[in-house]
Each structure stands twice: as structure tokens, then as C-alpha cells.
């Protein structure tokens, strides 16, 4: 066991949109990523909830009919079966937690590597 500093780890990532797995928890993957000026297509995770924790920056999470701002130090959980998309205008650093296999090339803008 060792402690992980999220900010230090995400700052080690040189390129935008490069997902780095930093932990595993009961079948869930913890990934960090830096994103800027990117809007993904609407998509649904049928079998798993998804958590976005904002380490730095902020973004909007859009669902059908609702747009929610999530800022530094906040997180939002998207329940399984909810159509959603992240809208990121400014440089934002995330921790994402989801069931292994939930995040893939199709719903990550073709950037996620298994």
C-alpha cells in the first residue's frame, strides 16, 4: 500500500487526453486524465455508474435536458443507463472511477487504452 497524490500524478501526464490508470478497487478502475477544449458524443454506460472528480479546472456534464457545472474539488456520479457527455472548455484534470471495461475507445474519443 502507498498513498497517491492525485495532483502530482496527473501533472506527470505530458499530453492531453492520455488516460493513466492509477489504481484498481473491487473491479473498478481509477484513471486520471487532462482534457481541454473537448466535447464527447452523448453515450450511455448500461452496466456501470461513472464518477468524475475534478482535481483542477471545471467542466459541464450534459444529460438529456440538463447541464451541470462541476468545479475543482467536486465530483459527480453518472448513474448507469443515463445518456451523458462531458463538455470541457478549460484545462481540467480528472480522476475517473468506473467498472473495468466501462471506459473504452468508443466513449473516450478514441483515446483510452486497455
N, C-alpha and C. Protein backbone atom coordinates (compact mmCIF):
# COMPACT_ATOMS: atom_id res chain seq x y z
N UNK A 1 0.85 -1.19 0.00
CA UNK A 1 0.00 0.00 0.00
C UNK A 1 0.88 1.23 0.00
N UNK A 2 0.45 2.22 -0.78
CA UNK A 2 1.13 3.51 -0.69
C UNK A 2 0.15 4.62 -1.07
N UNK A 3 0.35 5.76 -0.47
CA UNK A 3 -0.51 6.91 -0.74
C UNK A 3 -0.24 7.45 -2.14
N UNK A 4 -1.29 7.95 -2.78
CA UNK A 4 -1.17 8.53 -4.13
C UNK A 4 -1.61 9.98 -4.06
N UNK A 5 -0.76 10.88 -4.55
CA UNK A 5 -1.10 12.29 -4.65
C UNK A 5 -1.67 12.52 -6.05
N UNK A 6 -2.98 12.75 -6.13
CA UNK A 6 -3.65 12.88 -7.43
C UNK A 6 -3.07 14.00 -8.28
N UNK A 7 -2.82 15.15 -7.67
CA UNK A 7 -2.31 16.29 -8.43
C UNK A 7 -0.92 15.99 -8.99
N UNK A 8 -0.05 15.41 -8.17
CA UNK A 8 1.30 15.06 -8.66
C UNK A 8 1.21 14.08 -9.83
N UNK A 9 0.37 13.07 -9.69
CA UNK A 9 0.26 12.05 -10.73
C UNK A 9 -0.31 12.61 -12.03
N UNK A 10 -1.34 13.42 -11.94
CA UNK A 10 -1.94 13.97 -13.17
C UNK A 10 -1.00 14.98 -13.81
N UNK A 11 -0.18 15.66 -13.03
CA UNK A 11 0.77 16.62 -13.59
C UNK A 11 1.94 15.94 -14.29
N UNK A 12 2.14 14.66 -14.04
CA UNK A 12 3.18 13.89 -14.75
C UNK A 12 2.76 13.56 -16.18
N UNK A 13 1.47 13.64 -16.46
CA UNK A 13 0.98 13.31 -17.80
C UNK A 13 1.32 14.48 -18.72
N UNK A 14 2.05 14.22 -19.77
CA UNK A 14 2.53 15.28 -20.66
C UNK A 14 1.47 15.69 -21.69
N UNK A 15 0.82 14.73 -22.30
CA UNK A 15 -0.14 15.03 -23.37
C UNK A 15 -1.57 15.05 -22.85
N UNK A 16 -2.38 15.88 -23.48
CA UNK A 16 -3.80 15.87 -23.18
C UNK A 16 -4.41 14.57 -23.66
N UNK A 17 -5.52 14.18 -23.03
CA UNK A 17 -6.33 13.03 -23.43
C UNK A 17 -5.63 11.69 -23.26
N UNK A 18 -4.55 11.66 -22.50
CA UNK A 18 -3.87 10.40 -22.22
C UNK A 18 -4.32 9.91 -20.85
N UNK A 19 -5.03 8.80 -20.84
CA UNK A 19 -5.55 8.24 -19.60
C UNK A 19 -4.47 7.40 -18.92
N UNK A 20 -4.30 7.61 -17.62
CA UNK A 20 -3.33 6.83 -16.85
C UNK A 20 -4.07 6.12 -15.73
N UNK A 21 -3.98 4.82 -15.71
CA UNK A 21 -4.60 4.04 -14.63
C UNK A 21 -3.73 4.16 -13.39
N UNK A 22 -4.34 4.56 -12.28
CA UNK A 22 -3.56 4.74 -11.06
C UNK A 22 -4.00 3.82 -9.94
N UNK A 23 -5.05 3.03 -10.16
CA UNK A 23 -5.48 2.11 -9.12
C UNK A 23 -6.65 1.25 -9.55
N UNK A 24 -6.87 0.22 -8.78
CA UNK A 24 -7.98 -0.70 -9.01
C UNK A 24 -8.66 -0.95 -7.67
N UNK A 25 -9.99 -0.98 -7.69
CA UNK A 25 -10.75 -1.12 -6.45
C UNK A 25 -12.00 -1.95 -6.72
N UNK A 26 -12.02 -3.18 -6.23
CA UNK A 26 -13.21 -4.03 -6.34
C UNK A 26 -13.79 -4.07 -7.75
N UNK A 27 -12.93 -4.28 -8.73
CA UNK A 27 -13.39 -4.36 -10.11
C UNK A 27 -13.53 -3.01 -10.80
N UNK A 28 -13.23 -1.94 -10.09
CA UNK A 28 -13.27 -0.60 -10.67
C UNK A 28 -11.87 -0.13 -11.02
N UNK A 29 -11.78 0.70 -12.06
CA UNK A 29 -10.52 1.28 -12.48
C UNK A 29 -10.53 2.76 -12.11
N UNK A 30 -9.44 3.24 -11.51
CA UNK A 30 -9.26 4.65 -11.23
C UNK A 30 -8.28 5.18 -12.27
N UNK A 31 -8.73 6.15 -13.07
CA UNK A 31 -7.90 6.72 -14.13
C UNK A 31 -7.84 8.23 -13.95
N UNK A 32 -6.70 8.80 -14.35
CA UNK A 32 -6.57 10.25 -14.36
C UNK A 32 -6.29 10.70 -15.79
N UNK A 33 -6.69 11.93 -16.10
CA UNK A 33 -6.54 12.46 -17.45
C UNK A 33 -6.61 13.98 -17.39
N UNK A 34 -5.94 14.63 -18.35
CA UNK A 34 -6.05 16.08 -18.54
C UNK A 34 -6.79 16.32 -19.86
N UNK A 35 -7.78 17.20 -19.83
CA UNK A 35 -8.61 17.45 -21.00
C UNK A 35 -8.79 18.95 -21.18
N UNK A 36 -8.84 19.40 -22.43
CA UNK A 36 -9.10 20.81 -22.73
C UNK A 36 -9.79 20.90 -24.08
N UNK A 37 -10.77 21.81 -24.18
CA UNK A 37 -11.48 22.07 -25.44
C UNK A 37 -11.95 20.80 -26.11
N UNK A 38 -12.76 20.05 -25.39
CA UNK A 38 -13.24 18.78 -25.94
C UNK A 38 -14.66 18.50 -25.48
N UNK A 39 -15.49 18.10 -26.41
CA UNK A 39 -16.85 17.65 -26.11
C UNK A 39 -17.01 16.28 -26.74
N UNK A 40 -17.28 15.30 -25.91
CA UNK A 40 -17.51 13.95 -26.43
C UNK A 40 -18.95 13.80 -26.89
N UNK A 41 -19.19 12.79 -27.70
CA UNK A 41 -20.55 12.47 -28.12
C UNK A 41 -21.34 11.95 -26.92
N UNK A 42 -22.66 12.12 -26.98
CA UNK A 42 -23.51 11.52 -25.96
C UNK A 42 -23.33 10.01 -26.01
N UNK A 43 -23.28 9.39 -24.84
CA UNK A 43 -23.15 7.94 -24.76
C UNK A 43 -23.76 7.45 -23.45
N UNK A 44 -23.92 6.13 -23.35
CA UNK A 44 -24.55 5.51 -22.19
C UNK A 44 -23.67 4.35 -21.74
N UNK A 45 -23.54 4.21 -20.44
CA UNK A 45 -22.91 3.02 -19.86
C UNK A 45 -24.05 2.19 -19.26
N UNK A 46 -24.36 1.07 -19.89
CA UNK A 46 -25.52 0.27 -19.49
C UNK A 46 -25.29 -0.52 -18.20
N UNK A 47 -24.03 -0.83 -17.89
CA UNK A 47 -23.77 -1.76 -16.79
C UNK A 47 -23.03 -1.15 -15.60
N UNK A 48 -22.75 0.15 -15.63
CA UNK A 48 -21.94 0.72 -14.56
C UNK A 48 -22.17 2.21 -14.40
N UNK A 49 -22.13 2.66 -13.16
CA UNK A 49 -22.09 4.09 -12.87
C UNK A 49 -20.70 4.60 -13.24
N UNK A 50 -20.56 5.92 -13.35
CA UNK A 50 -19.27 6.53 -13.66
C UNK A 50 -19.10 7.76 -12.77
N UNK A 51 -17.91 7.92 -12.19
CA UNK A 51 -17.63 9.05 -11.32
C UNK A 51 -16.56 9.92 -11.96
N UNK A 52 -16.82 11.24 -12.00
CA UNK A 52 -15.85 12.24 -12.43
C UNK A 52 -15.51 13.10 -11.22
N UNK A 53 -14.25 13.13 -10.79
CA UNK A 53 -13.79 14.00 -9.73
C UNK A 53 -12.85 15.02 -10.35
N UNK A 54 -13.10 16.31 -10.12
CA UNK A 54 -12.28 17.36 -10.71
C UNK A 54 -11.13 17.72 -9.76
N UNK A 55 -9.91 17.42 -10.22
CA UNK A 55 -8.71 17.73 -9.44
C UNK A 55 -8.37 19.21 -9.60
N UNK A 56 -8.42 19.70 -10.84
CA UNK A 56 -8.22 21.13 -11.16
C UNK A 56 -9.12 21.48 -12.34
N UNK A 57 -9.55 22.74 -12.39
CA UNK A 57 -10.36 23.20 -13.52
C UNK A 57 -11.84 23.02 -13.24
N UNK A 58 -12.58 22.74 -14.30
CA UNK A 58 -14.02 22.54 -14.19
C UNK A 58 -14.59 22.19 -15.55
N UNK A 59 -15.77 21.59 -15.55
CA UNK A 59 -16.41 21.20 -16.79
C UNK A 59 -17.92 21.14 -16.60
N UNK A 60 -18.61 20.92 -17.70
CA UNK A 60 -20.05 20.71 -17.66
C UNK A 60 -20.33 19.26 -18.00
N UNK A 61 -21.25 18.67 -17.25
CA UNK A 61 -21.75 17.35 -17.61
C UNK A 61 -23.15 17.56 -18.15
N UNK A 62 -23.35 17.16 -19.40
CA UNK A 62 -24.66 17.29 -20.03
C UNK A 62 -25.35 15.94 -20.03
N UNK A 63 -26.61 15.97 -19.66
CA UNK A 63 -27.50 14.84 -19.84
C UNK A 63 -28.65 15.37 -20.68
N UNK A 64 -29.54 14.51 -21.08
CA UNK A 64 -30.65 15.00 -21.89
C UNK A 64 -31.49 15.96 -21.07
N UNK A 65 -31.45 17.23 -21.44
CA UNK A 65 -32.25 18.24 -20.77
C UNK A 65 -31.59 18.92 -19.58
N UNK A 66 -30.36 18.58 -19.22
CA UNK A 66 -29.72 19.20 -18.06
C UNK A 66 -28.23 19.38 -18.30
N UNK A 67 -27.70 20.50 -17.80
CA UNK A 67 -26.27 20.79 -17.90
C UNK A 67 -25.80 21.20 -16.50
N UNK A 68 -24.86 20.42 -15.94
CA UNK A 68 -24.40 20.64 -14.58
C UNK A 68 -22.92 21.02 -14.58
N UNK A 69 -22.58 22.11 -13.91
CA UNK A 69 -21.19 22.55 -13.76
C UNK A 69 -20.57 21.78 -12.59
N UNK A 70 -19.36 21.26 -12.81
CA UNK A 70 -18.62 20.56 -11.77
C UNK A 70 -17.25 21.24 -11.68
N UNK A 71 -16.90 21.72 -10.49
CA UNK A 71 -15.68 22.50 -10.29
C UNK A 71 -14.64 21.75 -9.48
N UNK A 72 -13.44 22.33 -9.38
CA UNK A 72 -12.33 21.76 -8.63
C UNK A 72 -12.79 21.31 -7.25
N UNK A 73 -12.39 20.10 -6.89
CA UNK A 73 -12.74 19.56 -5.57
C UNK A 73 -14.11 18.92 -5.51
N UNK A 74 -14.85 18.94 -6.62
CA UNK A 74 -16.19 18.35 -6.65
C UNK A 74 -16.18 17.09 -7.51
N UNK A 75 -17.18 16.24 -7.25
CA UNK A 75 -17.37 15.09 -8.12
C UNK A 75 -18.83 14.95 -8.48
N UNK A 76 -19.06 14.19 -9.54
CA UNK A 76 -20.42 13.90 -9.97
C UNK A 76 -20.46 12.44 -10.40
N UNK A 77 -21.53 11.77 -10.05
CA UNK A 77 -21.71 10.37 -10.42
C UNK A 77 -22.82 10.30 -11.46
N UNK A 78 -22.51 9.66 -12.58
CA UNK A 78 -23.49 9.42 -13.63
C UNK A 78 -24.01 8.00 -13.43
N UNK A 79 -25.29 7.85 -13.08
CA UNK A 79 -25.82 6.50 -12.89
C UNK A 79 -25.85 5.73 -14.21
N UNK A 80 -25.69 4.42 -14.11
CA UNK A 80 -25.75 3.59 -15.31
C UNK A 80 -27.08 3.83 -16.03
N UNK A 81 -27.03 3.76 -17.36
CA UNK A 81 -28.23 3.92 -18.16
C UNK A 81 -28.58 5.36 -18.51
N UNK A 82 -27.82 6.35 -18.01
CA UNK A 82 -28.10 7.76 -18.28
C UNK A 82 -27.24 8.23 -19.45
N UNK A 83 -27.86 8.76 -20.48
CA UNK A 83 -27.14 9.31 -21.62
C UNK A 83 -26.47 10.61 -21.18
N UNK A 84 -25.18 10.74 -21.46
CA UNK A 84 -24.43 11.89 -20.96
C UNK A 84 -23.23 12.19 -21.86
N UNK A 85 -22.65 13.36 -21.63
CA UNK A 85 -21.38 13.71 -22.27
C UNK A 85 -20.71 14.81 -21.45
N UNK A 86 -19.38 14.72 -21.31
CA UNK A 86 -18.64 15.81 -20.69
C UNK A 86 -18.34 16.89 -21.73
N UNK A 87 -18.46 18.15 -21.31
CA UNK A 87 -18.12 19.30 -22.14
C UNK A 87 -17.03 20.07 -21.39
N UNK A 88 -15.82 20.04 -21.95
CA UNK A 88 -14.66 20.61 -21.26
C UNK A 88 -14.10 21.74 -22.12
N UNK A 89 -14.20 22.97 -21.62
CA UNK A 89 -13.70 24.13 -22.34
C UNK A 89 -12.31 24.56 -21.86
N UNK A 90 -12.08 24.50 -20.56
CA UNK A 90 -10.80 24.91 -19.98
C UNK A 90 -10.00 23.67 -19.61
N UNK A 91 -8.70 23.84 -19.40
CA UNK A 91 -7.87 22.73 -18.97
C UNK A 91 -8.42 22.18 -17.65
N UNK A 92 -8.77 20.90 -17.67
CA UNK A 92 -9.35 20.26 -16.50
C UNK A 92 -8.66 18.93 -16.27
N UNK A 93 -8.36 18.66 -15.01
CA UNK A 93 -7.69 17.43 -14.62
C UNK A 93 -8.67 16.60 -13.81
N UNK A 94 -8.86 15.36 -14.23
CA UNK A 94 -9.89 14.49 -13.67
C UNK A 94 -9.32 13.24 -13.02
N UNK A 95 -10.05 12.73 -12.04
CA UNK A 95 -9.99 11.36 -11.62
C UNK A 95 -11.32 10.75 -12.04
N UNK A 96 -11.26 9.63 -12.71
CA UNK A 96 -12.48 8.94 -13.12
C UNK A 96 -12.47 7.55 -12.51
N UNK A 97 -13.64 7.13 -12.03
CA UNK A 97 -13.77 5.80 -11.45
C UNK A 97 -14.95 5.12 -12.13
N UNK A 98 -14.67 3.94 -12.69
CA UNK A 98 -15.75 3.17 -13.31
C UNK A 98 -15.37 1.70 -13.31
N UNK A 99 -16.38 0.87 -13.48
CA UNK A 99 -16.19 -0.57 -13.56
C UNK A 99 -15.25 -0.89 -14.71
N UNK A 100 -14.32 -1.76 -14.49
CA UNK A 100 -13.38 -2.15 -15.54
C UNK A 100 -14.14 -2.51 -16.81
N UNK A 101 -13.69 -1.98 -17.94
CA UNK A 101 -14.34 -2.23 -19.22
C UNK A 101 -15.37 -1.19 -19.61
N UNK A 102 -15.75 -0.30 -18.67
CA UNK A 102 -16.75 0.74 -18.97
C UNK A 102 -16.18 1.78 -19.91
N UNK A 103 -14.99 2.29 -19.60
CA UNK A 103 -14.34 3.28 -20.44
C UNK A 103 -13.60 2.55 -21.55
N UNK A 104 -13.83 2.97 -22.78
CA UNK A 104 -13.20 2.32 -23.93
C UNK A 104 -12.98 3.34 -25.04
N UNK A 105 -12.42 2.91 -26.15
CA UNK A 105 -12.13 3.83 -27.25
C UNK A 105 -13.39 4.51 -27.78
N UNK A 106 -14.51 3.80 -27.82
CA UNK A 106 -15.76 4.35 -28.37
C UNK A 106 -16.30 5.51 -27.57
N UNK A 107 -16.14 5.49 -26.24
CA UNK A 107 -16.72 6.57 -25.43
C UNK A 107 -15.68 7.50 -24.82
N UNK A 108 -14.43 7.41 -25.31
CA UNK A 108 -13.39 8.29 -24.77
C UNK A 108 -12.77 9.15 -25.88
N UNK A 109 -13.42 9.24 -27.03
CA UNK A 109 -12.83 9.98 -28.12
C UNK A 109 -11.66 9.24 -28.73
N UNK A 110 -11.69 7.91 -28.66
CA UNK A 110 -10.68 7.02 -29.23
C UNK A 110 -9.33 7.13 -28.53
N UNK A 111 -9.31 7.54 -27.25
CA UNK A 111 -8.06 7.78 -26.56
C UNK A 111 -7.73 6.75 -25.48
N UNK A 112 -8.70 6.01 -25.00
CA UNK A 112 -8.45 5.12 -23.86
C UNK A 112 -7.78 3.84 -24.31
N UNK A 113 -6.78 3.42 -23.58
CA UNK A 113 -6.05 2.18 -23.88
C UNK A 113 -6.31 1.17 -22.77
N UNK A 114 -6.64 -0.04 -23.15
CA UNK A 114 -6.85 -1.13 -22.17
C UNK A 114 -5.54 -1.56 -21.57
